C-alpha atoms as a PDB file:
ATOM      1  CA  MET A   1      15.538  44.802  -6.859  1.00  0.00           C
ATOM      2  CA  ASN A   2      17.274  42.914  -9.556  1.00  0.00           C
ATOM      3  CA  ASN A   3      17.737  45.181 -12.509  1.00  0.00           C
ATOM      4  CA  LYS A   4      16.287  42.836 -14.869  1.00  0.00           C
ATOM      5  CA  LEU A   5      13.271  42.735 -12.756  1.00  0.00           C
ATOM      6  CA  ASP A   6      13.117  46.265 -12.845  1.00  0.00           C
ATOM      7  CA  LEU A   7      13.397  46.449 -16.443  1.00  0.00           C
ATOM      8  CA  ALA A   8      10.252  43.630 -16.703  1.00  0.00           C
ATOM      9  CA  GLN A   9       8.084  45.820 -14.156  1.00  0.00           C
ATOM     10  CA  ASP A  10       8.537  49.101 -16.128  1.00  0.00           C
ATOM     11  CA  LYS A  11       7.616  47.071 -19.546  1.00  0.00           C
ATOM     12  CA  PHE A  12       4.779  45.596 -17.864  1.00  0.00           C
ATOM     13  CA  SER A  13       3.527  49.245 -16.566  1.00  0.00           C
ATOM     14  CA  GLU A  14       4.433  51.093 -19.827  1.00  0.00           C
ATOM     15  CA  SER A  15       2.214  48.255 -21.511  1.00  0.00           C
ATOM     16  CA  ILE A  16      -0.235  47.955 -19.537  1.00  0.00           C
ATOM     17  CA  GLY A  17      -0.685  51.776 -19.577  1.00  0.00           C
ATOM     18  CA  LYS A  18      -0.724  52.292 -23.275  1.00  0.00           C
ATOM     19  CA  LEU A  19      -3.514  49.191 -23.386  1.00  0.00           C
ATOM     20  CA  ALA A  20      -5.538  51.412 -20.634  1.00  0.00           C
ATOM     21  CA  GLU A  21      -4.635  54.522 -22.678  1.00  0.00           C
ATOM     22  CA  SER A  22      -6.124  52.954 -25.985  1.00  0.00           C
ATOM     23  CA  PHE A  23      -9.103  52.597 -24.270  1.00  0.00           C
ATOM     24  CA  GLY A  24      -9.231  55.991 -23.250  1.00  0.00           C
ATOM     25  CA  LEU A  25      -8.671  54.826 -19.381  1.00  0.00           C
ATOM     26  CA  ASN A  26      -5.916  57.508 -17.792  1.00  0.00           C
ATOM     27  CA  LYS A  27      -2.585  55.542 -18.740  1.00  0.00           C
ATOM     28  CA  PHE A  28      -0.741  56.584 -15.234  1.00  0.00           C
ATOM     29  CA  THR A  29      -3.963  54.778 -13.451  1.00  0.00           C
ATOM     30  CA  ALA A  30      -3.688  52.038 -14.753  1.00  0.00           C
ATOM     31  CA  GLN A  31       0.480  51.919 -14.600  1.00  0.00           C
ATOM     32  CA  LEU A  32       0.169  52.740 -11.018  1.00  0.00           C
ATOM     33  CA  TYR A  33      -2.267  49.702 -10.770  1.00  0.00           C
ATOM     34  CA  ALA A  34       0.270  47.265 -12.573  1.00  0.00           C
ATOM     35  CA  VAL A  35       3.568  48.415 -10.493  1.00  0.00           C
ATOM     36  CA  LEU A  36       1.099  47.683  -7.112  1.00  0.00           C
ATOM     37  CA  TYR A  37      -0.456  44.337  -9.182  1.00  0.00           C
ATOM     38  CA  LEU A  38       3.214  43.181  -9.752  1.00  0.00           C
ATOM     39  CA  SER A  39       4.038  43.832  -6.060  1.00  0.00           C
ATOM     40  CA  ASP A  40       4.373  40.493  -3.724  1.00  0.00           C
ATOM     41  CA  LYS A  41       3.518  43.743  -0.331  1.00  0.00           C
ATOM     42  CA  PRO A  42       2.083  46.651   0.214  1.00  0.00           C
ATOM     43  CA  LEU A  43       3.777  49.562  -1.170  1.00  0.00           C
ATOM     44  CA  SER A  44       3.578  52.782   0.653  1.00  0.00           C
ATOM     45  CA  LEU A  45       3.025  55.968  -1.226  1.00  0.00           C
ATOM     46  CA  ASP A  46       6.964  56.923  -0.881  1.00  0.00           C
ATOM     47  CA  GLU A  47       7.871  53.576  -2.326  1.00  0.00           C
ATOM     48  CA  LEU A  48       5.410  54.348  -5.372  1.00  0.00           C
ATOM     49  CA  VAL A  49       6.872  57.822  -5.851  1.00  0.00           C
ATOM     50  CA  GLU A  50      10.375  56.190  -5.713  1.00  0.00           C
ATOM     51  CA  ARG A  51       9.150  53.479  -8.483  1.00  0.00           C
ATOM     52  CA  LEU A  52       6.829  55.664 -10.567  1.00  0.00           C
ATOM     53  CA  LYS A  53       9.476  58.568 -10.409  1.00  0.00           C
ATOM     54  CA  ALA A  54       6.426  60.765 -10.246  1.00  0.00           C
ATOM     55  CA  SER A  55       5.224  63.410  -7.494  1.00  0.00           C
ATOM     56  CA  LYS A  56       3.553  62.077  -3.976  1.00  0.00           C
ATOM     57  CA  GLY A  57       0.513  64.327  -5.123  1.00  0.00           C
ATOM     58  CA  ASN A  58       0.559  62.709  -8.388  1.00  0.00           C
ATOM     59  CA  ILE A  59       0.681  59.515  -6.767  1.00  0.00           C
ATOM     60  CA  SER A  60      -2.057  59.842  -4.298  1.00  0.00           C
ATOM     61  CA  LEU A  61      -4.433  61.495  -6.361  1.00  0.00           C
ATOM     62  CA  ASN A  62      -4.774  58.383  -8.628  1.00  0.00           C
ATOM     63  CA  ILE A  63      -4.247  55.703  -5.372  1.00  0.00           C
ATOM     64  CA  ARG A  64      -7.838  57.911  -4.781  1.00  0.00           C
ATOM     65  CA  GLU A  65      -8.645  57.054  -8.489  1.00  0.00           C
ATOM     66  CA  LEU A  66      -8.297  53.379  -8.239  1.00  0.00           C
ATOM     67  CA  GLU A  67      -9.653  53.130  -4.313  1.00  0.00           C
ATOM     68  CA  ASN A  68     -12.831  54.525  -6.218  1.00  0.00           C
ATOM     69  CA  TRP A  69     -12.996  51.742  -8.823  1.00  0.00           C
ATOM     70  CA  GLY A  70     -12.503  49.127  -5.923  1.00  0.00           C
ATOM     71  CA  ALA A  71      -9.131  48.268  -7.494  1.00  0.00           C
ATOM     72  CA  VAL A  72      -7.087  49.382  -4.662  1.00  0.00           C
ATOM     73  CA  LYS A  73      -7.119  49.582  -0.860  1.00  0.00           C
ATOM     74  CA  ASN A  74      -5.244  51.223   2.089  1.00  0.00           C
ATOM     75  CA  ILE A  75      -3.778  48.851   4.645  1.00  0.00           C
ATOM     76  CA  TRP A  76      -2.490  49.280   7.490  1.00  0.00           C
ATOM     77  CA  VAL A  77       1.231  47.947   8.331  1.00  0.00           C
ATOM     78  CA  LYS A  78       2.079  47.336  11.973  1.00  0.00           C
ATOM     79  CA  GLY A  79       4.941  49.580  13.241  1.00  0.00           C
ATOM     80  CA  SER A  80       4.188  52.450  10.550  1.00  0.00           C
ATOM     81  CA  ARG A  81       2.341  55.572   9.989  1.00  0.00           C
ATOM     82  CA  LYS A  82       2.893  55.592   6.628  1.00  0.00           C
ATOM     83  CA  ASP A  83      -0.215  54.609   3.874  1.00  0.00           C
ATOM     84  CA  PHE A  84       0.149  51.450   2.341  1.00  0.00           C
ATOM     85  CA  TYR A  85      -1.832  50.180  -0.703  1.00  0.00           C
ATOM     86  CA  GLU A  86      -2.584  47.002  -2.101  1.00  0.00           C
ATOM     87  CA  VAL A  87      -4.360  45.728  -4.866  1.00  0.00           C
ATOM     88  CA  ASP A  88      -7.497  43.692  -5.302  1.00  0.00           C
ATOM     89  CA  HIS A  89      -5.544  40.855  -7.998  1.00  0.00           C
ATOM     90  CA  ASP A  90      -9.311  39.906  -9.053  1.00  0.00           C
ATOM     91  CA  ILE A  91      -9.030  41.310 -12.538  1.00  0.00           C
ATOM     92  CA  LYS A  92     -12.327  40.484 -13.637  1.00  0.00           C
ATOM     93  CA  LYS A  93     -13.927  42.338 -11.317  1.00  0.00           C
ATOM     94  CA  VAL A  94     -11.484  45.507 -11.162  1.00  0.00           C
ATOM     95  CA  VAL A  95     -12.558  45.963 -15.108  1.00  0.00           C
ATOM     96  CA  SER A  96     -15.982  44.871 -14.149  1.00  0.00           C
ATOM     97  CA  ASN A  97     -16.102  47.467 -11.614  1.00  0.00           C
ATOM     98  CA  LYS A  98     -14.578  50.381 -13.770  1.00  0.00           C
ATOM     99  CA  LEU A  99     -16.672  49.429 -16.966  1.00  0.00           C
ATOM    100  CA  ARG A 100     -20.091  49.770 -14.772  1.00  0.00           C
ATOM    101  CA  LEU A 101     -19.025  52.868 -13.507  1.00  0.00           C
ATOM    102  CA  SER A 102     -18.216  54.660 -16.605  1.00  0.00           C
ATOM    103  CA  VAL A 103     -21.617  53.466 -18.367  1.00  0.00           C
ATOM    104  CA  GLU A 104     -23.241  54.721 -14.924  1.00  0.00           C
ATOM    105  CA  LYS A 105     -21.775  57.845 -15.465  1.00  0.00           C
ATOM    106  CA  ARG A 106     -22.188  58.185 -19.107  1.00  0.00           C
ATOM    107  CA  VAL A 107     -25.940  56.784 -18.680  1.00  0.00           C
ATOM    108  CA  ASN A 108     -26.497  59.687 -15.780  1.00  0.00           C
ATOM    109  CA  GLU A 109     -25.289  61.973 -18.262  1.00  0.00           C
ATOM    110  CA  VAL A 110     -27.225  61.344 -20.900  1.00  0.00           C
ATOM    111  CA  SER A 111     -30.253  61.166 -18.635  1.00  0.00           C
ATOM    112  CA  ARG A 112     -29.424  64.810 -17.065  1.00  0.00           C
ATOM    113  CA  MET A 113     -29.192  66.127 -21.066  1.00  0.00           C
ATOM    114  CA  ILE A 114     -32.530  64.521 -21.946  1.00  0.00           C
ATOM    115  CA  ASN A 115     -34.298  66.164 -19.185  1.00  0.00           C
ATOM    116  CA  GLU A 116     -32.916  69.499 -19.507  1.00  0.00           C
ATOM    117  CA  PHE A 117     -33.692  69.412 -23.119  1.00  0.00           C
ATOM    118  CA  LYS A 118     -37.435  68.069 -22.569  1.00  0.00           C
ATOM    119  CA  SER A 119     -37.734  70.841 -20.141  1.00  0.00           C
ATOM    120  CA  ILE A 120     -36.368  73.411 -22.395  1.00  0.00           C
ATOM    121  CA  VAL A 121     -39.140  72.012 -25.354  1.00  0.00           C
ATOM    122  CA  GLU A 122     -41.820  71.500 -22.820  1.00  0.00           C
ATOM    123  CA  SER A 123     -41.504  75.329 -21.229  1.00  0.00           C
ATOM    124  CA  ALA A 124     -41.710  76.678 -24.993  1.00  0.00           C
ATOM    125  CA  SER A 125     -44.193  74.483 -26.307  1.00  0.00           C
ATOM    126  CA  GLY A 126     -47.145  77.177 -25.690  1.00  0.00           C
ATOM    127  CA  GLU A 127     -45.382  79.617 -27.683  1.00  0.00           C
ATOM    128  CA  LEU A 128     -44.847  77.463 -30.555  1.00  0.00           C
ATOM    129  CA  THR A 129     -45.691  78.148 -33.930  1.00  0.00           C
ATOM    130  CA  ASP A 130     -47.812  75.387 -36.246  1.00  0.00           C
ATOM    131  CA  GLU A 131     -43.907  74.553 -37.793  1.00  0.00           C
ATOM    132  CA  GLU A 132     -42.242  74.880 -34.621  1.00  0.00           C
ATOM    133  CA  LYS A 133     -44.231  72.438 -32.958  1.00  0.00           C
ATOM    134  CA  LYS A 134     -43.514  70.218 -36.028  1.00  0.00           C
ATOM    135  CA  ILE A 135     -39.642  70.556 -34.872  1.00  0.00           C
ATOM    136  CA  ALA A 136     -40.453  70.048 -31.069  1.00  0.00           C
ATOM    137  CA  LYS A 137     -42.044  66.807 -32.212  1.00  0.00           C
ATOM    138  CA  VAL A 138     -39.747  65.686 -34.545  1.00  0.00           C
ATOM    139  CA  TYR A 139     -37.058  66.583 -30.962  1.00  0.00           C
ATOM    140  CA  LYS A 140     -39.132  64.752 -28.835  1.00  0.00           C
ATOM    141  CA  GLU A 141     -38.925  61.525 -31.367  1.00  0.00           C
ATOM    142  CA  ARG A 142     -35.183  62.075 -31.318  1.00  0.00           C
ATOM    143  CA  LEU A 143     -34.801  61.585 -27.931  1.00  0.00           C
ATOM    144  CA  LYS A 144     -36.645  58.585 -27.339  1.00  0.00           C
ATOM    145  CA  LYS A 145     -34.369  57.180 -29.577  1.00  0.00           C
ATOM    146  CA  ILE A 146     -31.708  58.157 -27.322  1.00  0.00           C
ATOM    147  CA  GLU A 147     -33.233  57.281 -23.847  1.00  0.00           C
ATOM    148  CA  GLU A 148     -34.115  53.878 -25.471  1.00  0.00           C
ATOM    149  CA  LEU A 149     -30.317  53.545 -26.283  1.00  0.00           C
ATOM    150  CA  SER A 150     -29.286  54.711 -22.771  1.00  0.00           C
ATOM    151  CA  ALA A 151     -31.653  52.047 -21.273  1.00  0.00           C
ATOM    152  CA  LEU A 152     -30.503  48.989 -23.015  1.00  0.00           C
ATOM    153  CA  ALA A 153     -26.861  49.998 -21.917  1.00  0.00           C
ATOM    154  CA  SER A 154     -28.078  50.057 -18.639  1.00  0.00           C
ATOM    155  CA  LYS A 155     -29.805  46.400 -19.568  1.00  0.00           C
ATOM    156  CA  ALA A 156     -26.268  45.555 -21.268  1.00  0.00           C
ATOM    157  CA  LEU A 157     -24.446  46.391 -18.207  1.00  0.00           C
ATOM    158  CA  ALA A 158     -26.822  44.326 -15.734  1.00  0.00           C
ATOM    159  CA  ILE A 159     -26.043  41.659 -17.814  1.00  0.00           C
ATOM    160  CA  ALA A 160     -22.534  41.886 -18.383  1.00  0.00           C
ATOM    161  CA  GLU A 161     -22.375  41.866 -14.521  1.00  0.00           C
ATOM    162  CA  LYS A 162     -23.572  38.749 -14.026  1.00  0.00           C
ATOM    163  CA  PHE A 163     -20.823  37.037 -16.290  1.00  0.00           C
ATOM    164  CA  PHE A 164     -18.048  38.671 -14.493  1.00  0.00           C
END
């Protein structure tokens, strides 16, 4: 490829990586997506290793992450036994999938934490003094607010998915 095209691809990949990182996403995963996004054909792991100057293991690990997002799929290329990958060029869909997965993961983590916390407080309820019962009541009230926020996040996600 022309050196200027290589430079353009490198700049694009680096910029996408920095942008993703600013949103708390893995920089390298985003750079990998960017390289595949610009490619006019599916790329093999070996081509990605060469292009990104990274290990095959690192490329493979990050490809799996992109597959989990629904951003990349494995493509069969006639006459080759290698794995080839291409991206879903629908950026809205890819971003929507990633946001949905992230929000669902966080909501599930919060739900597990709340259930564990409730279980501990409930298991102690028979052993509490009057003062401790007041504290437990405050805990439950505050947990309820976190549950409401979690439910709101789930509703917001459902609404956002309608727009993507």
